[in-house]
Amino acid sequence: MKNHRSESELEKALLDPAASFKSPADVLNSQRFSQRDKIEILRRWEYDAVEMSVAGEEGMVGPNGGDLLQQIVIALRDLAGDIDTDHTPPTKQGGLARYSVKPRA
């Protein structure tokens, strides 16, 4: 069972991964979280990066999420192996489907 501090750290990382980590590689190197936690942190960061990328395409001010998105996908592949990027949700945001990233056995 996790202690209160690590649950609080996990909640913070899940809500705003960019505030908790400098890069997706830092998530991989973290000793504070399980593989499943790291995958979920990276998935949420991926969602944020896709949203930033779409906002940039629509002329809204903000950083381009393209480079960050690539780093996140590489980190997810390091954790989970193959990722199904062929089947994405039919939205402008796209992103990875929930079933496309699974922890390694």
PDB file of N, CA and C in Angstrom:
ATOM      1  N   MET A   1       0.840  -1.185   0.000  1.00  0.00           N
ATOM      2  CA  MET A   1       0.000   0.000   0.000  1.00  0.00           C
ATOM      3  C   MET A   1       0.884   1.246   0.000  1.00  0.00           C
ATOM      4  N   LYS A   2       0.518   2.220  -0.805  1.00  0.00           N
ATOM      5  CA  LYS A   2       1.304   3.438  -0.911  1.00  0.00           C
ATOM      6  C   LYS A   2       1.063   4.325   0.297  1.00  0.00           C
ATOM      7  N   ASN A   3       2.088   5.099   0.652  1.00  0.00           N
ATOM      8  CA  ASN A   3       1.892   6.036   1.748  1.00  0.00           C
ATOM      9  C   ASN A   3       1.181   7.290   1.240  1.00  0.00           C
ATOM     10  N   HIS A   4       0.724   8.118   2.150  1.00  0.00           N
ATOM     11  CA  HIS A   4      -0.041   9.315   1.798  1.00  0.00           C
ATOM     12  C   HIS A   4       0.759  10.238   0.891  1.00  0.00           C
ATOM     13  N   ARG A   5       2.040  10.376   1.164  1.00  0.00           N
ATOM     14  CA  ARG A   5       2.890  11.276   0.374  1.00  0.00           C
ATOM     15  C   ARG A   5       2.955  10.822  -1.085  1.00  0.00           C
ATOM     16  N   SER A   6       3.160   9.534  -1.334  1.00  0.00           N
ATOM     17  CA  SER A   6       3.284   9.073  -2.712  1.00  0.00           C
ATOM     18  C   SER A   6       1.951   9.182  -3.450  1.00  0.00           C
ATOM     19  N   GLU A   7       0.829   8.988  -2.754  1.00  0.00           N
ATOM     20  CA  GLU A   7      -0.468   9.183  -3.398  1.00  0.00           C
ATOM     21  C   GLU A   7      -0.644  10.637  -3.800  1.00  0.00           C
ATOM     22  N   SER A   8      -0.220  11.544  -2.937  1.00  0.00           N
ATOM     23  CA  SER A   8      -0.304  12.965  -3.249  1.00  0.00           C
ATOM     24  C   SER A   8       0.599  13.306  -4.436  1.00  0.00           C
ATOM     25  N   GLU A   9       1.794  12.750  -4.466  1.00  0.00           N
ATOM     26  CA  GLU A   9       2.711  12.971  -5.597  1.00  0.00           C
ATOM     27  C   GLU A   9       2.116  12.424  -6.887  1.00  0.00           C
ATOM     28  N   LEU A  10       1.501  11.251  -6.810  1.00  0.00           N
ATOM     29  CA  LEU A  10       0.885  10.657  -7.994  1.00  0.00           C
ATOM     30  C   LEU A  10      -0.274  11.509  -8.483  1.00  0.00           C
ATOM     31  N   GLU A  11      -1.127  11.959  -7.583  1.00  0.00           N
ATOM     32  CA  GLU A  11      -2.247  12.815  -7.973  1.00  0.00           C
ATOM     33  C   GLU A  11      -1.753  14.075  -8.676  1.00  0.00           C
ATOM     34  N   LYS A  12      -0.707  14.693  -8.140  1.00  0.00           N
ATOM     35  CA  LYS A  12      -0.143  15.905  -8.739  1.00  0.00           C
ATOM     36  C   LYS A  12       0.412  15.593 -10.138  1.00  0.00           C
ATOM     37  N   ALA A  13       1.139  14.493 -10.248  1.00  0.00           N
ATOM     38  CA  ALA A  13       1.729  14.115 -11.533  1.00  0.00           C
ATOM     39  C   ALA A  13       0.653  13.799 -12.572  1.00  0.00           C
ATOM     40  N   LEU A  14      -0.441  13.196 -12.141  1.00  0.00           N
ATOM     41  CA  LEU A  14      -1.525  12.874 -13.064  1.00  0.00           C
ATOM     42  C   LEU A  14      -2.273  14.129 -13.515  1.00  0.00           C
ATOM     43  N   LEU A  15      -2.437  15.071 -12.623  1.00  0.00           N
ATOM     44  CA  LEU A  15      -3.157  16.302 -12.962  1.00  0.00           C
ATOM     45  C   LEU A  15      -2.355  17.219 -13.875  1.00  0.00           C
ATOM     46  N   ASP A  16      -1.037  17.280 -13.642  1.00  0.00           N
ATOM     47  CA  ASP A  16      -0.195  18.178 -14.437  1.00  0.00           C
ATOM     48  C   ASP A  16       1.203  17.587 -14.567  1.00  0.00           C
ATOM     49  N   PRO A  17       1.377  16.640 -15.482  1.00  0.00           N
ATOM     50  CA  PRO A  17       2.673  15.986 -15.636  1.00  0.00           C
ATOM     51  C   PRO A  17       3.823  16.960 -15.896  1.00  0.00           C
ATOM     52  N   ALA A  18       3.569  18.004 -16.670  1.00  0.00           N
ATOM     53  CA  ALA A  18       4.626  18.965 -17.002  1.00  0.00           C
ATOM     54  C   ALA A  18       5.112  19.734 -15.784  1.00  0.00           C
ATOM     55  N   ALA A  19       4.282  19.865 -14.766  1.00  0.00           N
ATOM     56  CA  ALA A  19       4.697  20.539 -13.537  1.00  0.00           C
ATOM     57  C   ALA A  19       5.511  19.615 -12.638  1.00  0.00           C
ATOM     58  N   SER A  20       5.370  18.318 -12.833  1.00  0.00           N
ATOM     59  CA  SER A  20       6.071  17.344 -12.001  1.00  0.00           C
ATOM     60  C   SER A  20       7.362  16.826 -12.632  1.00  0.00           C
ATOM     61  N   PHE A  21       7.447  16.896 -13.961  1.00  0.00           N
ATOM     62  CA  PHE A  21       8.604  16.349 -14.678  1.00  0.00           C
ATOM     63  C   PHE A  21       9.058  17.330 -15.754  1.00  0.00           C
ATOM     64  N   LYS A  22      10.380  17.406 -15.958  1.00  0.00           N
ATOM     65  CA  LYS A  22      10.927  18.279 -16.997  1.00  0.00           C
ATOM     66  C   LYS A  22      10.737  17.688 -18.384  1.00  0.00           C
ATOM     67  N   SER A  23      10.736  16.360 -18.464  1.00  0.00           N
ATOM     68  CA  SER A  23      10.608  15.695 -19.760  1.00  0.00           C
ATOM     69  C   SER A  23       9.989  14.316 -19.563  1.00  0.00           C
ATOM     70  N   PRO A  24       9.465  13.731 -20.629  1.00  0.00           N
ATOM     71  CA  PRO A  24       8.951  12.363 -20.538  1.00  0.00           C
ATOM     72  C   PRO A  24      10.028  11.359 -20.083  1.00  0.00           C
ATOM     73  N   ALA A  25      11.262  11.594 -20.447  1.00  0.00           N
ATOM     74  CA  ALA A  25      12.348  10.710 -20.003  1.00  0.00           C
ATOM     75  C   ALA A  25      12.471  10.716 -18.483  1.00  0.00           C
ATOM     76  N   ASP A  26      12.177  11.849 -17.857  1.00  0.00           N
ATOM     77  CA  ASP A  26      12.219  11.916 -16.397  1.00  0.00           C
ATOM     78  C   ASP A  26      11.162  11.023 -15.765  1.00  0.00           C
ATOM     79  N   VAL A  27      10.030  10.862 -16.444  1.00  0.00           N
ATOM     80  CA  VAL A  27       9.006   9.935 -15.949  1.00  0.00           C
ATOM     81  C   VAL A  27       9.578   8.519 -15.957  1.00  0.00           C
ATOM     82  N   LEU A  28      10.226   8.149 -17.059  1.00  0.00           N
ATOM     83  CA  LEU A  28      10.827   6.811 -17.159  1.00  0.00           C
ATOM     84  C   LEU A  28      11.840   6.557 -16.055  1.00  0.00           C
ATOM     85  N   ASN A  29      12.638   7.568 -15.741  1.00  0.00           N
ATOM     86  CA  ASN A  29      13.716   7.409 -14.771  1.00  0.00           C
ATOM     87  C   ASN A  29      13.263   7.527 -13.324  1.00  0.00           C
ATOM     88  N   SER A  30      12.026   7.918 -13.101  1.00  0.00           N
ATOM     89  CA  SER A  30      11.513   8.095 -11.747  1.00  0.00           C
ATOM     90  C   SER A  30      11.435   6.755 -11.016  1.00  0.00           C
ATOM     91  N   GLN A  31      11.869   6.760  -9.782  1.00  0.00           N
ATOM     92  CA  GLN A  31      11.772   5.575  -8.933  1.00  0.00           C
ATOM     93  C   GLN A  31      10.534   5.640  -8.035  1.00  0.00           C
ATOM     94  N   ARG A  32       9.799   6.749  -8.115  1.00  0.00           N
ATOM     95  CA  ARG A  32       8.662   6.966  -7.210  1.00  0.00           C
ATOM     96  C   ARG A  32       7.385   6.273  -7.647  1.00  0.00           C
ATOM     97  N   PHE A  33       7.298   5.883  -8.929  1.00  0.00           N
ATOM     98  CA  PHE A  33       6.040   5.372  -9.449  1.00  0.00           C
ATOM     99  C   PHE A  33       6.214   4.005 -10.106  1.00  0.00           C
ATOM    100  N   SER A  34       5.130   3.233 -10.084  1.00  0.00           N
ATOM    101  CA  SER A  34       5.121   1.919 -10.734  1.00  0.00           C
ATOM    102  C   SER A  34       5.052   2.095 -12.248  1.00  0.00           C
ATOM    103  N   GLN A  35       5.236   0.999 -12.963  1.00  0.00           N
ATOM    104  CA  GLN A  35       5.139   1.040 -14.418  1.00  0.00           C
ATOM    105  C   GLN A  35       3.749   1.513 -14.840  1.00  0.00           C
ATOM    106  N   ARG A  36       2.710   0.991 -14.213  1.00  0.00           N
ATOM    107  CA  ARG A  36       1.339   1.396 -14.548  1.00  0.00           C
ATOM    108  C   ARG A  36       1.129   2.890 -14.301  1.00  0.00           C
ATOM    109  N   ASP A  37       1.662   3.384 -13.178  1.00  0.00           N
ATOM    110  CA  ASP A  37       1.541   4.816 -12.874  1.00  0.00           C
ATOM    111  C   ASP A  37       2.248   5.652 -13.934  1.00  0.00           C
ATOM    112  N   LYS A  38       3.445   5.233 -14.330  1.00  0.00           N
ATOM    113  CA  LYS A  38       4.209   5.963 -15.337  1.00  0.00           C
ATOM    114  C   LYS A  38       3.466   6.000 -16.666  1.00  0.00           C
ATOM    115  N   ILE A  39       2.855   4.878 -17.042  1.00  0.00           N
ATOM    116  CA  ILE A  39       2.093   4.830 -18.286  1.00  0.00           C
ATOM    117  C   ILE A  39       0.925   5.806 -18.211  1.00  0.00           C
ATOM    118  N   GLU A  40       0.227   5.831 -17.093  1.00  0.00           N
ATOM    119  CA  GLU A  40      -0.922   6.735 -16.962  1.00  0.00           C
ATOM    120  C   GLU A  40      -0.475   8.197 -16.966  1.00  0.00           C
ATOM    121  N   ILE A  41       0.633   8.498 -16.319  1.00  0.00           N
ATOM    122  CA  ILE A  41       1.169   9.867 -16.336  1.00  0.00           C
ATOM    123  C   ILE A  41       1.491  10.275 -17.769  1.00  0.00           C
ATOM    124  N   LEU A  42       2.166   9.399 -18.496  1.00  0.00           N
ATOM    125  CA  LEU A  42       2.533   9.704 -19.878  1.00  0.00           C
ATOM    126  C   LEU A  42       1.303   9.804 -20.785  1.00  0.00           C
ATOM    127  N   ARG A  43       0.297   8.971 -20.556  1.00  0.00           N
ATOM    128  CA  ARG A  43      -0.938   9.048 -21.352  1.00  0.00           C
ATOM    129  C   ARG A  43      -1.621  10.397 -21.139  1.00  0.00           C
ATOM    130  N   ARG A  44      -1.645  10.848 -19.910  1.00  0.00           N
ATOM    131  CA  ARG A  44      -2.278  12.147 -19.638  1.00  0.00           C
ATOM    132  C   ARG A  44      -1.455  13.281 -20.232  1.00  0.00           C
ATOM    133  N   TRP A  45      -0.129  13.140 -20.200  1.00  0.00           N
ATOM    134  CA  TRP A  45       0.742  14.146 -20.807  1.00  0.00           C
ATOM    135  C   TRP A  45       0.534  14.144 -22.318  1.00  0.00           C
ATOM    136  N   GLU A  46       0.355  12.964 -22.893  1.00  0.00           N
ATOM    137  CA  GLU A  46       0.100  12.847 -24.329  1.00  0.00           C
ATOM    138  C   GLU A  46      -1.181  13.594 -24.689  1.00  0.00           C
ATOM    139  N   TYR A  47      -2.206  13.427 -23.877  1.00  0.00           N
ATOM    140  CA  TYR A  47      -3.467  14.133 -24.119  1.00  0.00           C
ATOM    141  C   TYR A  47      -3.248  15.646 -24.100  1.00  0.00           C
ATOM    142  N   ASP A  48      -2.516  16.128 -23.104  1.00  0.00           N
ATOM    143  CA  ASP A  48      -2.230  17.563 -23.001  1.00  0.00           C
ATOM    144  C   ASP A  48      -1.453  18.057 -24.218  1.00  0.00           C
ATOM    145  N   ALA A  49      -0.454  17.273 -24.664  1.00  0.00           N
ATOM    146  CA  ALA A  49       0.371  17.670 -25.809  1.00  0.00           C
ATOM    147  C   ALA A  49      -0.463  17.727 -27.089  1.00  0.00           C
ATOM    148  N   VAL A  50      -1.376  16.779 -27.258  1.00  0.00           N
ATOM    149  CA  VAL A  50      -2.247  16.780 -28.433  1.00  0.00           C
ATOM    150  C   VAL A  50      -3.149  18.013 -28.391  1.00  0.00           C
ATOM    151  N   GLU A  51      -3.692  18.329 -27.228  1.00  0.00           N
ATOM    152  CA  GLU A  51      -4.542  19.514 -27.094  1.00  0.00           C
ATOM    153  C   GLU A  51      -3.763  20.792 -27.442  1.00  0.00           C
ATOM    154  N   MET A  52      -2.508  20.893 -26.986  1.00  0.00           N
ATOM    155  CA  MET A  52      -1.682  22.061 -27.306  1.00  0.00           C
ATOM    156  C   MET A  52      -1.421  22.149 -28.806  1.00  0.00           C
ATOM    157  N   SER A  53      -1.182  21.014 -29.425  1.00  0.00           N
ATOM    158  CA  SER A  53      -0.911  20.978 -30.851  1.00  0.00           C
ATOM    159  C   SER A  53      -2.138  21.444 -31.646  1.00  0.00           C
ATOM    160  N   VAL A  54      -3.308  20.977 -31.270  1.00  0.00           N
ATOM    161  CA  VAL A  54      -4.546  21.383 -31.941  1.00  0.00           C
ATOM    162  C   VAL A  54      -4.792  22.873 -31.725  1.00  0.00           C
ATOM    163  N   ALA A  55      -4.559  23.356 -30.519  1.00  0.00           N
ATOM    164  CA  ALA A  55      -4.751  24.789 -30.240  1.00  0.00           C
ATOM    165  C   ALA A  55      -3.822  25.624 -31.117  1.00  0.00           C
ATOM    166  N   GLY A  56      -2.587  25.170 -31.304  1.00  0.00           N
ATOM    167  CA  GLY A  56      -1.641  25.873 -32.165  1.00  0.00           C
ATOM    168  C   GLY A  56      -2.111  25.905 -33.605  1.00  0.00           C
ATOM    169  N   GLU A  57      -2.678  24.787 -34.071  1.00  0.00           N
ATOM    170  CA  GLU A  57      -3.206  24.725 -35.438  1.00  0.00           C
ATOM    171  C   GLU A  57      -4.371  25.687 -35.623  1.00  0.00           C
ATOM    172  N   GLU A  58      -5.101  25.934 -34.565  1.00  0.00           N
ATOM    173  CA  GLU A  58      -6.263  26.810 -34.654  1.00  0.00           C
ATOM    174  C   GLU A  58      -5.916  28.270 -34.381  1.00  0.00           C
ATOM    175  N   GLY A  59      -4.629  28.561 -34.305  1.00  0.00           N
ATOM    176  CA  GLY A  59      -4.179  29.932 -34.162  1.00  0.00           C
ATOM    177  C   GLY A  59      -4.153  30.450 -32.742  1.00  0.00           C
ATOM    178  N   MET A  60      -4.381  29.567 -31.774  1.00  0.00           N
ATOM    179  CA  MET A  60      -4.311  29.999 -30.381  1.00  0.00           C
ATOM    180  C   MET A  60      -2.855  30.064 -29.956  1.00  0.00           C
ATOM    181  N   VAL A  61      -2.550  31.003 -29.094  1.00  0.00           N
ATOM    182  CA  VAL A  61      -1.185  31.170 -28.616  1.00  0.00           C
ATOM    183  C   VAL A  61      -0.845  30.023 -27.683  1.00  0.00           C
ATOM    184  N   GLY A  62       0.327  29.469 -27.852  1.00  0.00           N
ATOM    185  CA  GLY A  62       0.779  28.389 -26.993  1.00  0.00           C
ATOM    186  C   GLY A  62       1.890  27.622 -27.660  1.00  0.00           C
ATOM    187  N   PRO A  63       2.602  26.809 -26.890  1.00  0.00           N
ATOM    188  CA  PRO A  63       3.700  26.044 -27.454  1.00  0.00           C
ATOM    189  C   PRO A  63       3.201  24.926 -28.358  1.00  0.00           C
ATOM    190  N   ASN A  64       3.998  24.566 -29.331  1.00  0.00           N
ATOM    191  CA  ASN A  64       3.678  23.456 -30.212  1.00  0.00           C
ATOM    192  C   ASN A  64       3.979  22.161 -29.471  1.00  0.00           C
ATOM    193  N   GLY A  65       3.014  21.256 -29.432  1.00  0.00           N
ATOM    194  CA  GLY A  65       3.185  20.006 -28.710  1.00  0.00           C
ATOM    195  C   GLY A  65       3.813  18.896 -29.527  1.00  0.00           C
ATOM    196  N   GLY A  66       4.197  19.147 -30.791  1.00  0.00           N
ATOM    197  CA  GLY A  66       4.709  18.100 -31.670  1.00  0.00           C
ATOM    198  C   GLY A  66       5.954  17.404 -31.171  1.00  0.00           C
ATOM    199  N   ASP A  67       6.970  18.159 -30.796  1.00  0.00           N
ATOM    200  CA  ASP A  67       8.209  17.557 -30.293  1.00  0.00           C
ATOM    201  C   ASP A  67       7.959  16.823 -28.988  1.00  0.00           C
ATOM    202  N   LEU A  68       7.197  17.442 -28.124  1.00  0.00           N
ATOM    203  CA  LEU A  68       6.861  16.821 -26.846  1.00  0.00           C
ATOM    204  C   LEU A  68       6.072  15.544 -27.073  1.00  0.00           C
ATOM    205  N   LEU A  69       5.135  15.581 -27.986  1.00  0.00           N
ATOM    206  CA  LEU A  69       4.327  14.407 -28.286  1.00  0.00           C
ATOM    207  C   LEU A  69       5.201  13.247 -28.749  1.00  0.00           C
ATOM    208  N   GLN A  70       6.173  13.529 -29.579  1.00  0.00           N
ATOM    209  CA  GLN A  70       7.087  12.490 -30.048  1.00  0.00           C
ATOM    210  C   GLN A  70       7.870  11.896 -28.873  1.00  0.00           C
ATOM    211  N   GLN A  71       8.344  12.735 -27.966  1.00  0.00           N
ATOM    212  CA  GLN A  71       9.074  12.259 -26.783  1.00  0.00           C
ATOM    213  C   GLN A  71       8.186  11.377 -25.906  1.00  0.00           C
ATOM    214  N   ILE A  72       6.921  11.750 -25.779  1.00  0.00           N
ATOM    215  CA  ILE A  72       5.991  10.975 -24.955  1.00  0.00           C
ATOM    216  C   ILE A  72       5.750   9.600 -25.569  1.00  0.00           C
ATOM    217  N   VAL A  73       5.529   9.553 -26.875  1.00  0.00           N
ATOM    218  CA  VAL A  73       5.289   8.271 -27.538  1.00  0.00           C
ATOM    219  C   VAL A  73       6.522   7.372 -27.421  1.00  0.00           C
ATOM    220  N   ILE A  74       7.699   7.939 -27.551  1.00  0.00           N
ATOM    221  CA  ILE A  74       8.933   7.151 -27.386  1.00  0.00           C
ATOM    222  C   ILE A  74       9.016   6.602 -25.964  1.00  0.00           C
ATOM    223  N   ALA A  75       8.707   7.418 -24.981  1.00  0.00           N
ATOM    224  CA  ALA A  75       8.736   6.970 -23.583  1.00  0.00           C
ATOM    225  C   ALA A  75       7.703   5.869 -23.345  1.00  0.00           C
ATOM    226  N   LEU A  76       6.514   6.023 -23.906  1.00  0.00           N
ATOM    227  CA  LEU A  76       5.490   4.983 -23.763  1.00  0.00           C
ATOM    228  C   LEU A  76       5.933   3.676 -24.408  1.00  0.00           C
ATOM    229  N   ARG A  77       6.582   3.774 -25.558  1.00  0.00           N
ATOM    230  CA  ARG A  77       7.093   2.551 -26.206  1.00  0.00           C
ATOM    231  C   ARG A  77       8.166   1.888 -25.342  1.00  0.00           C
ATOM    232  N   ASP A  78       9.009   2.692 -24.699  1.00  0.00           N
ATOM    233  CA  ASP A  78      10.029   2.127 -23.812  1.00  0.00           C
ATOM    234  C   ASP A  78       9.389   1.370 -22.654  1.00  0.00           C
ATOM    235  N   LEU A  79       8.277   1.875 -22.162  1.00  0.00           N
ATOM    236  CA  LEU A  79       7.593   1.237 -21.035  1.00  0.00           C
ATOM    237  C   LEU A  79       6.733   0.055 -21.449  1.00  0.00           C
ATOM    238  N   ALA A  80       6.000   0.211 -22.528  1.00  0.00           N
ATOM    239  CA  ALA A  80       4.967  -0.765 -22.856  1.00  0.00           C
ATOM    240  C   ALA A  80       5.264  -1.608 -24.093  1.00  0.00           C
ATOM    241  N   GLY A  81       6.275  -1.259 -24.840  1.00  0.00           N
ATOM    242  CA  GLY A  81       6.533  -1.985 -26.081  1.00  0.00           C
ATOM    243  C   GLY A  81       5.713  -1.391 -27.206  1.00  0.00           C
ATOM    244  N   ASP A  82       5.171  -2.242 -28.058  1.00  0.00           N
ATOM    245  CA  ASP A  82       4.406  -1.778 -29.213  1.00  0.00           C
ATOM    246  C   ASP A  82       3.173  -0.993 -28.787  1.00  0.00           C
ATOM    247  N   ILE A  83       2.901   0.071 -29.535  1.00  0.00           N
ATOM    248  CA  ILE A  83       1.726   0.902 -29.309  1.00  0.00           C
ATOM    249  C   ILE A  83       0.929   0.923 -30.600  1.00  0.00           C
ATOM    250  N   ASP A  84      -0.362   0.702 -30.495  1.00  0.00           N
ATOM    251  CA  ASP A  84      -1.234   0.714 -31.665  1.00  0.00           C
ATOM    252  C   ASP A  84      -1.562   2.159 -32.012  1.00  0.00           C
ATOM    253  N   THR A  85      -0.810   2.729 -32.948  1.00  0.00           N
ATOM    254  CA  THR A  85      -1.065   4.112 -33.367  1.00  0.00           C
ATOM    255  C   THR A  85      -1.925   4.173 -34.631  1.00  0.00           C
ATOM    256  N   ASP A  86      -2.303   3.009 -35.167  1.00  0.00           N
ATOM    257  CA  ASP A  86      -3.121   2.971 -36.381  1.00  0.00           C
ATOM    258  C   ASP A  86      -4.585   3.274 -36.106  1.00  0.00           C
ATOM    259  N   HIS A  87      -5.018   3.016 -34.893  1.00  0.00           N
ATOM    260  CA  HIS A  87      -6.425   3.214 -34.547  1.00  0.00           C
ATOM    261  C   HIS A  87      -6.519   4.314 -33.493  1.00  0.00           C
ATOM    262  N   THR A  88      -6.889   5.510 -33.946  1.00  0.00           N
ATOM    263  CA  THR A  88      -7.032   6.637 -33.037  1.00  0.00           C
ATOM    264  C   THR A  88      -8.478   7.108 -33.054  1.00  0.00           C
ATOM    265  N   PRO A  89      -8.907   7.787 -32.006  1.00  0.00           N
ATOM    266  CA  PRO A  89     -10.286   8.272 -31.979  1.00  0.00           C
ATOM    267  C   PRO A  89     -10.566   9.191 -33.169  1.00  0.00           C
ATOM    268  N   PRO A  90     -11.795   9.173 -33.671  1.00  0.00           N
ATOM    269  CA  PRO A  90     -12.150   9.979 -34.850  1.00  0.00           C
ATOM    270  C   PRO A  90     -12.443  11.440 -34.498  1.00  0.00           C
ATOM    271  N   THR A  91     -11.473  12.080 -33.876  1.00  0.00           N
ATOM    272  CA  THR A  91     -11.618  13.486 -33.521  1.00  0.00           C
ATOM    273  C   THR A  91     -10.430  14.247 -34.060  1.00  0.00           C
ATOM    274  N   LYS A  92     -10.513  15.545 -34.084  1.00  0.00           N
ATOM    275  CA  LYS A  92      -9.397  16.361 -34.542  1.00  0.00           C
ATOM    276  C   LYS A  92      -8.181  16.152 -33.639  1.00  0.00           C
ATOM    277  N   GLN A  93      -8.431  15.922 -32.357  1.00  0.00           N
ATOM    278  CA  GLN A  93      -7.342  15.723 -31.420  1.00  0.00           C
ATOM    279  C   GLN A  93      -6.636  14.392 -31.639  1.00  0.00           C
ATOM    280  N   GLY A  94      -7.362  13.391 -32.124  1.00  0.00           N
ATOM    281  CA  GLY A  94      -6.743  12.086 -32.322  1.00  0.00           C
ATOM    282  C   GLY A  94      -6.285  11.534 -30.997  1.00  0.00           C
ATOM    283  N   GLY A  95      -4.991  11.348 -30.841  1.00  0.00           N
ATOM    284  CA  GLY A  95      -4.458  10.809 -29.598  1.00  0.00           C
ATOM    285  C   GLY A  95      -4.483   9.297 -29.611  1.00  0.00           C
ATOM    286  N   LEU A  96      -3.953   8.717 -28.571  1.00  0.00           N
ATOM    287  CA  LEU A  96      -3.897   7.267 -28.459  1.00  0.00           C
ATOM    288  C   LEU A  96      -5.165   6.747 -27.803  1.00  0.00           C
ATOM    289  N   ALA A  97      -5.712   5.695 -28.365  1.00  0.00           N
ATOM    290  CA  ALA A  97      -6.869   5.055 -27.763  1.00  0.00           C
ATOM    291  C   ALA A  97      -6.465   4.401 -26.453  1.00  0.00           C
ATOM    292  N   ARG A  98      -7.373   4.275 -25.532  1.00  0.00           N
ATOM    293  CA  ARG A  98      -7.098   3.709 -24.206  1.00  0.00           C
ATOM    294  C   ARG A  98      -6.470   2.318 -24.322  1.00  0.00           C
ATOM    295  N   TYR A  99      -6.928   1.500 -25.249  1.00  0.00           N
ATOM    296  CA  TYR A  99      -6.420   0.132 -25.388  1.00  0.00           C
ATOM    297  C   TYR A  99      -5.093   0.058 -26.142  1.00  0.00           C
ATOM    298  N   SER A 100      -4.596   1.159 -26.671  1.00  0.00           N
ATOM    299  CA  SER A 100      -3.401   1.110 -27.504  1.00  0.00           C
ATOM    300  C   SER A 100      -2.103   0.980 -26.710  1.00  0.00           C
ATOM    301  N   VAL A 101      -2.156   1.273 -25.407  1.00  0.00           N
ATOM    302  CA  VAL A 101      -0.957   1.189 -24.558  1.00  0.00           C
ATOM    303  C   VAL A 101      -1.265   0.267 -23.392  1.00  0.00           C
ATOM    304  N   LYS A 102      -0.520  -0.818 -23.306  1.00  0.00           N
ATOM    305  CA  LYS A 102      -0.719  -1.769 -22.211  1.00  0.00           C
ATOM    306  C   LYS A 102       0.625  -2.050 -21.551  1.00  0.00           C
ATOM    307  N   PRO A 103       0.645  -2.163 -20.220  1.00  0.00           N
ATOM    308  CA  PRO A 103       1.896  -2.496 -19.549  1.00  0.00           C
ATOM    309  C   PRO A 103       2.429  -3.840 -20.011  1.00  0.00           C
ATOM    310  N   ARG A 104       3.735  -3.953 -20.047  1.00  0.00           N
ATOM    311  CA  ARG A 104       4.343  -5.232 -20.384  1.00  0.00           C
ATOM    312  C   ARG A 104       4.080  -6.219 -19.261  1.00  0.00           C
ATOM    313  N   ALA A 105       3.986  -7.477 -19.613  1.00  0.00           N
ATOM    314  CA  ALA A 105       3.718  -8.513 -18.595  1.00  0.00           C
ATOM    315  C   ALA A 105       4.944  -8.774 -17.764  1.00  0.00           C
TER     316      ALA A 105
END
